[in-house]
Protein backbone atom coordinates (compact mmCIF):
# COMPACT_ATOMS: atom_id res chain seq x y z
CA MET A 1 44.64 -16.99 -2.51
CA GLU A 2 44.63 -19.93 0.92
CA ASN A 3 42.95 -22.88 0.60
CA ASN A 4 41.26 -23.59 4.08
CA ASN A 5 38.25 -26.40 3.21
CA SER A 6 36.88 -25.33 7.07
CA LEU A 7 36.26 -21.58 6.36
CA TYR A 8 33.96 -23.33 3.33
CA GLN A 9 31.56 -25.84 5.99
CA GLY A 10 28.17 -25.90 5.41
CA MET A 11 27.81 -24.01 2.36
CA GLY A 12 26.50 -24.47 -1.01
CA LYS A 13 28.00 -24.90 -4.26
CA ALA A 14 27.25 -22.06 -5.75
CA ALA A 15 27.71 -19.98 -2.40
CA ILE A 16 31.13 -21.57 -2.54
CA GLY A 17 32.32 -20.72 -5.86
CA VAL A 18 31.69 -16.40 -5.17
CA ALA A 19 33.31 -16.92 -1.57
CA LYS A 20 36.21 -18.33 -3.23
CA SER A 21 36.34 -16.38 -6.55
CA LEU A 22 36.44 -13.81 -4.55
CA GLY A 23 38.50 -15.24 -1.46
CA PRO A 24 39.45 -13.27 2.10
CA LYS A 25 42.35 -10.50 0.99
CA ARG A 26 39.66 -9.08 -0.53
CA GLY A 27 37.68 -8.62 2.69
CA VAL A 28 34.46 -10.85 2.11
CA ASN A 29 32.07 -11.23 4.62
CA LEU A 30 31.18 -15.65 4.77
CA ASN A 31 28.64 -14.69 7.14
CA GLN A 32 27.09 -13.29 3.85
CA PHE A 33 28.00 -15.62 1.65
CA GLN A 34 26.37 -18.91 4.63
CA ASN A 35 23.49 -16.17 4.49
CA LEU A 36 22.82 -17.09 0.17
CA ASN A 37 23.76 -20.67 1.00
CA ASN A 38 20.46 -20.34 3.54
CA THR A 39 18.30 -18.50 1.11
CA ILE A 40 18.86 -21.13 -1.24
CA SER A 41 18.24 -24.07 0.50
CA SER A 42 15.35 -22.81 1.81
CA SER A 43 12.94 -20.78 -0.43
CA GLY A 44 14.62 -23.34 -4.17
CA VAL A 45 15.38 -18.89 -5.49
CA THR A 46 18.57 -18.84 -7.02
CA THR A 47 20.07 -15.57 -5.15
CA PRO A 48 19.76 -13.59 -2.03
CA SER A 49 15.97 -11.67 -1.74
CA ASN A 50 18.98 -8.17 -1.35
CA ASN A 51 19.36 -9.46 -5.01
CA PRO A 52 17.83 -7.55 -7.80
CA ALA A 53 18.95 -9.96 -10.34
CA GLY A 54 17.28 -12.94 -8.53
CA GLN A 55 14.64 -12.61 -11.41
CA PHE A 56 11.57 -14.46 -10.47
CA ASN A 57 10.03 -15.18 -12.76
CA ILE A 58 6.42 -14.95 -12.59
CA LYS A 59 4.57 -16.13 -15.51
CA SER A 60 3.47 -18.99 -13.77
CA LEU A 61 0.84 -16.35 -11.26
CA GLY A 62 -1.25 -15.30 -14.58
CA ALA A 63 -1.74 -14.03 -17.34
CA LYS A 64 -0.68 -10.28 -17.94
CA THR A 65 -2.33 -7.91 -19.14
CA THR A 66 -1.16 -4.47 -18.58
CA ASP A 67 2.71 -4.08 -18.78
CA TYR A 68 5.40 -2.01 -17.58
CA GLY A 69 4.37 1.85 -18.64
CA GLY A 70 1.40 0.69 -20.15
CA SER A 71 -2.11 2.33 -19.19
CA THR A 72 -4.62 1.49 -18.09
CA ASN A 73 -8.95 2.64 -17.82
CA TYR A 74 -7.74 4.39 -14.20
CA GLU A 75 -3.95 5.68 -15.64
CA LYS A 76 -2.31 6.81 -18.67
CA PHE A 77 1.39 5.25 -17.40
CA HIS A 78 1.28 2.35 -15.63
CA PRO A 79 4.05 1.50 -13.21
CA GLY A 80 3.72 -2.10 -11.73
CA LEU A 81 2.94 -5.16 -13.30
CA ASP A 82 -0.65 -6.23 -13.91
CA ILE A 83 -1.02 -9.93 -12.93
CA ALA A 84 -4.88 -11.30 -14.00
CA ASN A 85 -6.17 -14.70 -12.67
CA LYS A 86 -9.04 -16.60 -10.69
CA ILE A 87 -9.50 -15.41 -7.06
CA GLY A 88 -8.08 -17.04 -4.93
CA THR A 89 -4.55 -18.33 -6.22
CA ASN A 90 -2.14 -18.51 -4.00
CA VAL A 91 0.78 -14.91 -4.39
CA PRO A 92 4.51 -16.12 -3.78
CA ALA A 93 6.77 -12.67 -2.47
CA PHE A 94 9.02 -11.76 -4.99
CA THR A 95 11.90 -10.76 -3.06
CA GLY A 96 12.35 -11.13 1.25
CA GLY A 97 11.53 -8.35 3.29
CA VAL A 98 8.93 -7.34 6.30
CA VAL A 99 5.65 -6.34 5.90
CA VAL A 100 5.82 -2.68 6.40
CA GLU A 101 1.79 -2.08 5.54
CA GLU A 102 -1.13 -3.51 5.47
CA THR A 103 -5.18 -2.63 4.38
CA LEU A 104 -7.44 -5.28 4.39
CA GLY A 105 -11.48 -5.46 4.37
CA LYS A 106 -11.84 -3.01 0.88
CA LYS A 107 -14.24 -5.58 -1.31
CA GLN A 108 -14.79 -4.94 -5.39
CA GLY A 109 -16.51 -1.35 -6.77
CA ASP A 110 -14.31 0.15 -2.94
CA LYS A 111 -12.06 3.34 -5.35
CA GLY A 112 -8.28 2.55 -4.98
CA PHE A 113 -5.67 -0.71 -4.43
CA GLY A 114 -8.37 -2.85 -2.50
CA ASN A 115 -6.70 -4.88 0.18
CA THR A 116 -2.68 -4.28 0.03
CA VAL A 117 0.66 -6.32 1.26
CA VAL A 118 3.77 -3.45 1.05
CA ILE A 119 6.84 -5.77 1.92
CA LYS A 120 9.92 -3.43 2.20
CA ASP A 121 12.93 -5.61 1.03
CA ASP A 122 15.96 -5.13 2.76
CA GLN A 123 17.36 -2.37 0.08
CA GLY A 124 14.31 -0.14 1.30
CA ASN A 125 12.67 -0.95 -1.27
CA LEU A 126 8.65 -1.00 -0.82
CA HIS A 127 7.15 -4.05 -2.81
CA ARG A 128 3.36 -4.15 -2.99
CA TYR A 129 0.74 -6.37 -3.86
CA SER A 130 -2.15 -4.64 -4.36
CA HIS A 131 -6.02 -6.44 -5.51
CA LEU A 132 -5.43 -9.35 -2.86
CA SER A 133 -9.03 -11.59 -1.75
CA LYS A 134 -6.34 -12.79 1.18
CA SER A 135 -3.59 -12.09 3.10
CA TYR A 136 -1.45 -14.85 6.28
CA VAL A 137 1.00 -12.12 7.06
CA LYS A 138 0.70 -8.87 9.53
CA ILE A 139 2.96 -5.80 9.69
CA GLY A 140 6.11 -6.83 11.60
CA ASP A 141 5.80 -10.43 10.04
CA ARG A 142 8.75 -11.37 7.61
CA VAL A 143 9.16 -12.95 4.46
CA LYS A 144 11.62 -15.38 2.41
CA PRO A 145 11.52 -15.47 -0.96
CA GLY A 146 8.78 -17.57 -2.71
CA GLN A 147 6.50 -17.39 0.23
CA VAL A 148 3.21 -17.73 -0.62
CA PHE A 149 1.87 -14.70 1.99
CA SER A 150 -1.69 -14.07 -0.01
CA GLN A 151 -4.40 -14.89 -3.01
CA ILE A 152 -5.12 -12.98 -5.94
CA GLY A 153 -8.11 -11.96 -6.12
CA ASN A 154 -9.99 -8.60 -7.47
CA THR A 155 -10.97 -5.71 -4.80
CA GLY A 156 -10.74 -1.93 -5.53
CA SER A 157 -10.55 -0.75 -8.60
CA THR A 158 -10.54 -3.35 -11.08
CA TYR A 159 -13.10 -4.34 -14.37
CA SER A 160 -11.87 -6.66 -17.57
CA ASN A 161 -13.30 -5.22 -20.46
CA SER A 162 -13.18 -9.46 -21.91
CA GLY A 163 -16.24 -9.69 -19.21
CA GLY A 164 -14.32 -11.63 -16.08
CA THR A 165 -14.43 -10.54 -12.94
CA GLY A 166 -11.26 -8.54 -13.23
CA SER A 167 -9.14 -9.48 -10.78
CA HIS A 168 -5.48 -9.84 -10.84
CA LEU A 169 -2.44 -8.76 -8.73
CA ASP A 170 -0.92 -5.25 -9.25
CA TYR A 171 2.98 -5.83 -8.57
CA ARG A 172 4.30 -2.37 -7.58
CA ILE A 173 7.90 -1.74 -6.53
CA LYS A 174 9.26 2.04 -5.17
CA ASP A 175 13.07 2.27 -3.97
CA ALA A 176 13.60 4.19 -1.28
CA TYR A 177 12.65 7.83 -1.68
CA GLY A 178 9.97 7.46 -3.35
CA LYS A 179 10.32 6.76 -6.63
CA TYR A 180 9.29 3.94 -8.89
CA VAL A 181 11.59 1.02 -10.22
CA ASN A 182 10.27 -1.88 -12.82
CA PRO A 183 9.30 -4.10 -11.62
CA TYR A 184 11.47 -6.30 -14.27
CA LYS A 185 14.21 -5.70 -11.54
CA PHE A 186 12.97 -7.43 -9.69
CA VAL A 187 11.29 -10.31 -11.82
CA LYS A 188 10.77 -11.72 -15.28
CA TYR A 189 7.77 -12.69 -17.06
CA SER A 190 9.37 -15.38 -19.77
């Protein structure tokens, strides 16, 4: 393999290691690795936004109240994760992408998911964040992994079995074919 360090100028150690291991002879697009470096530098996330192995750790966001596959008062099979915390807790994007849908103006007790933001990642997966109290983005905005774009709320059909406000984040993903995806392909809770 050619040892031309100018090819790797400006890239972080992680990106250089991957790029060098694959090498230019395998048709590697070094711009992909520069983008990886930019993602690492700007967001603190250690993998690119289009890599599901990023496993953004959401434990710091709050208490997991309903797991993927669990049940709720409204669903026998819950195809997402519910993370409870107080109203106004900042919500970061778990992956990068473009805001493609936004529903605002909902209050607690309204039917459905309440205030919602949907972010489409580069693979066409739709990441839906629901029951929000606020949104800082609009349709067409591009968000980066880790970027705070909304706040946890209790809008829509929320409830608490323990007497609280019911404020939580409902996080669900659908793939480009409309099928639910296990969120643990994109996040972890540990």
